[in-house]
Structures are given as C-alpha cells and as structure tokens.
Protein backbone atom coordinates (compact mmCIF):
# COMPACT_ATOMS: atom_id res chain seq x y z
CA MET A 1 17.15 10.61 -5.60
CA SER A 2 15.94 7.61 -3.96
CA LEU A 3 12.90 7.51 -1.58
CA SER A 4 13.70 7.66 2.08
CA THR A 5 10.69 6.79 4.10
CA LEU A 6 6.96 6.97 4.33
CA ASP A 7 5.60 8.57 7.32
CA PRO A 8 3.13 6.34 9.42
CA ARG A 9 0.12 8.27 8.36
CA THR A 10 0.90 8.74 4.54
CA ALA A 11 -1.80 9.45 2.11
CA LEU A 12 -2.30 8.79 -1.61
CA VAL A 13 -3.69 11.84 -3.28
CA VAL A 14 -4.66 11.10 -7.08
CA ILE A 15 -5.04 14.11 -9.17
CA ASP A 16 -7.99 14.43 -11.83
CA LEU A 17 -8.02 10.62 -12.92
CA GLN A 18 -11.51 11.40 -14.58
CA GLN A 19 -13.25 10.07 -17.43
CA GLY A 20 -12.55 13.44 -19.71
CA ILE A 21 -8.96 13.62 -18.75
CA VAL A 22 -7.71 10.14 -18.73
CA ALA A 23 -9.22 10.08 -22.49
CA MET A 24 -7.04 12.80 -23.65
CA PRO A 25 -3.64 12.02 -25.33
CA THR A 26 -0.57 12.12 -22.63
CA GLN A 27 3.04 11.41 -22.70
CA PRO A 28 5.17 9.49 -21.66
CA TYR A 29 2.54 7.30 -20.35
CA THR A 30 -1.11 6.86 -21.77
CA GLY A 31 -4.11 7.73 -19.61
CA PRO A 32 -4.91 3.84 -19.00
CA GLU A 33 -1.21 3.38 -17.87
CA VAL A 34 -1.58 6.14 -15.20
CA VAL A 35 -4.79 4.77 -14.13
CA ALA A 36 -3.49 1.29 -13.70
CA ARG A 37 -0.55 2.40 -11.67
CA ALA A 38 -2.64 4.84 -9.45
CA ALA A 39 -5.08 1.85 -9.01
CA GLU A 40 -2.08 -0.40 -7.77
CA LEU A 41 -0.94 2.24 -5.30
CA ALA A 42 -4.49 2.80 -4.11
CA ASP A 43 -5.01 -0.80 -3.48
CA ALA A 44 -1.86 -0.83 -1.40
CA PHE A 45 -2.70 2.30 0.56
CA ARG A 46 -6.35 0.87 1.21
CA ALA A 47 -4.80 -2.62 2.38
CA ARG A 48 -2.76 -0.71 5.08
CA ASP A 49 -5.84 1.25 6.08
CA LEU A 50 -4.11 4.57 4.78
CA PRO A 51 -6.37 7.39 3.12
CA VAL A 52 -6.63 7.37 -0.28
CA VAL A 53 -8.01 10.86 -1.79
CA LEU A 54 -9.41 10.91 -5.27
CA VAL A 55 -9.43 14.58 -6.44
CA ARG A 56 -11.30 15.81 -9.52
CA VAL A 57 -11.61 19.09 -11.31
CA SER A 58 -15.39 20.18 -12.36
CA PHE A 59 -17.27 23.38 -12.96
CA ALA A 60 -20.85 24.46 -13.14
CA ALA A 61 -22.11 24.51 -16.57
CA ASP A 62 -21.82 28.40 -16.81
CA PHE A 63 -18.35 28.35 -15.30
CA ALA A 64 -19.39 30.72 -12.29
CA ASP A 65 -17.04 28.77 -10.08
CA ALA A 66 -14.08 28.78 -12.47
CA VAL A 67 -10.91 30.98 -11.77
CA PRO A 68 -11.81 34.47 -13.27
CA GLY A 69 -8.30 35.81 -14.06
CA ARG A 70 -7.44 37.02 -17.57
CA THR A 71 -4.84 34.54 -19.39
CA GLU A 72 -3.93 34.00 -22.79
CA ARG A 73 -5.30 30.71 -23.07
CA GLN A 74 -8.87 30.96 -21.60
CA ALA A 75 -11.00 27.85 -20.78
CA ARG A 76 -14.34 29.77 -20.94
CA GLY A 77 -16.78 28.81 -23.44
CA LEU A 78 -15.69 25.31 -23.61
CA ALA A 79 -18.29 22.47 -23.62
CA PHE A 80 -17.64 19.42 -21.50
CA PRO A 81 -19.54 16.12 -22.21
CA GLU A 82 -21.58 14.46 -19.71
CA GLY A 83 -19.63 12.54 -17.35
CA TRP A 84 -16.17 13.87 -18.29
CA ASP A 85 -15.88 14.76 -14.38
CA VAL A 86 -16.40 11.25 -13.10
CA VAL A 87 -13.44 9.53 -11.47
CA VAL A 88 -12.60 6.57 -13.41
CA ASP A 89 -14.07 3.07 -12.23
CA GLU A 90 -10.50 1.63 -11.41
CA LEU A 91 -10.44 4.15 -8.57
CA ALA A 92 -14.05 4.84 -7.81
CA GLY A 93 -16.44 2.98 -5.57
CA HIS A 94 -14.41 2.26 -2.41
CA ASP A 95 -15.53 2.85 0.94
CA GLY A 96 -13.55 5.25 2.92
CA SER A 97 -11.98 7.04 0.04
CA VAL A 98 -11.91 10.95 0.37
CA HIS A 99 -13.54 12.86 -2.30
CA VAL A 100 -12.54 16.23 -3.26
CA THR A 101 -13.81 18.56 -5.95
CA LYS A 102 -11.48 21.34 -7.12
CA HIS A 103 -12.17 24.23 -9.33
CA ASN A 104 -8.48 25.44 -9.78
CA TRP A 105 -4.99 23.55 -10.53
CA SER A 106 -4.19 22.83 -6.92
CA ALA A 107 -6.18 20.36 -4.92
CA PHE A 108 -5.60 22.65 -1.95
CA HIS A 109 -6.97 25.74 -3.05
CA GLY A 110 -10.52 26.46 -2.31
CA THR A 111 -11.09 22.85 -1.03
CA ASP A 112 -11.02 21.13 2.30
CA LEU A 113 -8.10 18.94 1.39
CA ASP A 114 -5.88 20.19 4.01
CA VAL A 115 -8.60 19.66 6.60
CA GLN A 116 -9.43 16.10 5.30
CA LEU A 117 -5.67 15.36 5.69
CA ARG A 118 -5.01 16.98 9.09
CA ARG A 119 -8.00 15.30 10.69
CA ARG A 120 -6.64 11.96 9.65
CA GLY A 121 -3.30 12.95 11.15
CA VAL A 122 -1.48 12.59 7.66
CA THR A 123 1.98 14.21 7.41
CA GLN A 124 2.92 13.02 4.02
CA ILE A 125 1.31 12.69 0.69
CA VAL A 126 2.14 10.54 -2.45
CA LEU A 127 0.93 12.11 -5.59
CA ALA A 128 -0.11 10.61 -8.84
CA GLY A 129 -2.18 11.78 -11.65
CA ILE A 130 -2.83 13.73 -14.70
CA ALA A 131 -1.56 16.44 -15.67
CA THR A 132 2.09 16.46 -14.18
CA SER A 133 2.75 20.05 -14.95
CA ILE A 134 -0.83 21.56 -13.95
CA GLY A 135 -2.80 19.61 -11.34
CA VAL A 136 -0.16 17.40 -9.97
CA GLU A 137 2.59 20.25 -9.72
CA SER A 138 0.39 22.71 -8.22
CA THR A 139 -0.82 20.43 -5.53
CA ALA A 140 2.63 19.30 -4.73
CA ARG A 141 3.76 23.06 -4.27
CA ASP A 142 0.92 23.65 -2.03
CA ALA A 143 1.45 20.44 -0.09
CA TYR A 144 5.08 21.67 0.35
CA ALA A 145 3.93 25.05 1.50
CA HIS A 146 1.53 23.42 3.95
CA GLY A 147 4.21 21.37 5.66
CA TYR A 148 3.62 17.91 4.15
CA HIS A 149 6.42 15.41 3.05
CA VAL A 150 5.73 14.98 -0.48
CA THR A 151 6.41 11.83 -2.69
CA LEU A 152 5.82 11.85 -6.29
CA ALA A 153 5.24 8.40 -8.11
CA THR A 154 6.69 9.70 -11.29
CA ASP A 155 5.50 6.85 -13.53
CA ALA A 156 1.87 7.28 -12.21
CA MET A 157 1.60 10.67 -13.92
CA ALA A 158 1.49 12.08 -17.36
CA ASP A 159 1.03 15.34 -19.25
CA ALA A 160 -0.39 16.43 -22.72
CA ASP A 161 3.04 18.46 -23.11
CA PRO A 162 6.13 16.05 -22.73
CA GLU A 163 8.29 18.99 -22.24
CA ALA A 164 6.24 20.48 -19.36
CA HIS A 165 6.33 16.86 -17.84
CA ARG A 166 10.00 16.45 -17.97
CA ASN A 167 10.33 20.06 -16.45
CA SER A 168 8.18 19.10 -13.58
CA ILE A 169 9.93 15.80 -12.95
CA GLU A 170 13.41 17.01 -13.32
CA ARG A 171 13.46 20.53 -12.20
CA ILE A 172 10.41 21.50 -9.84
CA PHE A 173 9.96 18.00 -8.11
CA PRO A 174 13.31 17.67 -6.56
CA ARG A 175 12.73 20.81 -4.83
CA LEU A 176 9.31 19.79 -3.48
CA GLY A 177 9.95 16.25 -2.03
CA GLU A 178 11.18 12.88 -3.26
CA SER A 179 10.44 11.07 -6.54
CA GLY A 180 10.21 7.51 -7.34
CA SER A 181 8.45 4.75 -9.38
CA THR A 182 5.11 3.28 -8.52
CA ALA A 183 7.33 -0.01 -7.89
CA GLU A 184 9.49 1.97 -5.60
CA VAL A 185 6.77 3.48 -3.78
CA LEU A 186 5.01 0.04 -3.15
CA GLU A 187 8.39 -1.50 -1.99
CA LEU A 188 8.78 1.12 0.45
CA LEU A 189 5.25 1.01 1.63
CA ALA A 190 5.57 -2.98 2.15
CA LYS A 191 9.03 -2.26 4.19
CA THR A 192 7.60 0.66 6.51
CA HIS A 193 3.84 -0.53 6.82
CA ASP A 194 3.80 -4.04 7.14
C-alpha cells in the first residue's frame, strides 16, 4: 500500500532507540541503520515544527514497576548495564522533544503519551523503532485503538526475530495503518508540510 497523506498535526513516535536495545543484533536492519533513518525522520519533523516523541523502556532496579503477569519467558532477574536505557545521542538532546518512559510493550499503556499527543492536536503518528513485533506493533495497535491515523516507516524498524518482523510488516500493520519507507514518508512530508 502506498502512503496517502500526513495530517497537518502528525507526530513522529520513536520506540526504544536507546543504548542497550540499539546494541542488540537485529534484522533486517542493524540498530545503527534504524537509528540513522529515525534521526533523518526526526530532523525533518523538527524542521517543520512537528512533534517528535522519544520513547524509552526502563525499570526500577528491583523491577517493582515491571509487568507482573506470569509468562513462559520471564524478564525478572535480568541485570541491565548502566546507561542501557539512555536514548541514543543521534536522537537525544533536542529542545522540544517529548520524552516518554514506558514499563510495558506499548508506549500508550501506563504513560502520558495520549495526553501529550492530544494536547498538541496530533491526529496521526509515524512510528519507527525497535523491536518491530513488540514495542512498535504494540504501540501501533494502541494508537489505532485510540483513533490515531498510523503510518509505519518500515525500514526504520527492526527486530531480533526476522519472522516476527515480517509477520508485523505483512500481516498486522496493513490492518492498523499505512506503511512505507523512510524516503516515502519524507517525500510525503515535503509534499504536505512545505
């Protein structure tokens, strides 16, 4: 599907591009490739005074704020190195960026993301980040459920599991919004916001 339009108040929402996650092996793109494309999108959004939201995942040292449900793959007991949850330099350090810290897969659950977007008049979001099938997909699902138009920059996201990435791109995202490359998003941004 080709991208149709970007609303006048569209925000870029970047998921979990932080030191510890970007350093992990991902496919079909490396962490640095995803960061470079997300930074290109962020620069273009900032140049047009459109919101850029930097989402990171983080937990208390004792994981008291982590999701408590029983799963077959528990995250409890993991030790994260210092600075693992710091947003990468290529995206951080810009005045006006909205910062959201999440403790779940979705950037909407348990955060003020929806309030931050609505107060800025945002009706559409462009998503990028890592991991495609976890943080990005969960946030896309919730954005759709909250009534936002969703655009997915599919070459500005990656996953540790190539099959999970492909499933999100081919089966899930077409039901939640429109997908395109970073170049296509930038081209549409230039047509609709210059």
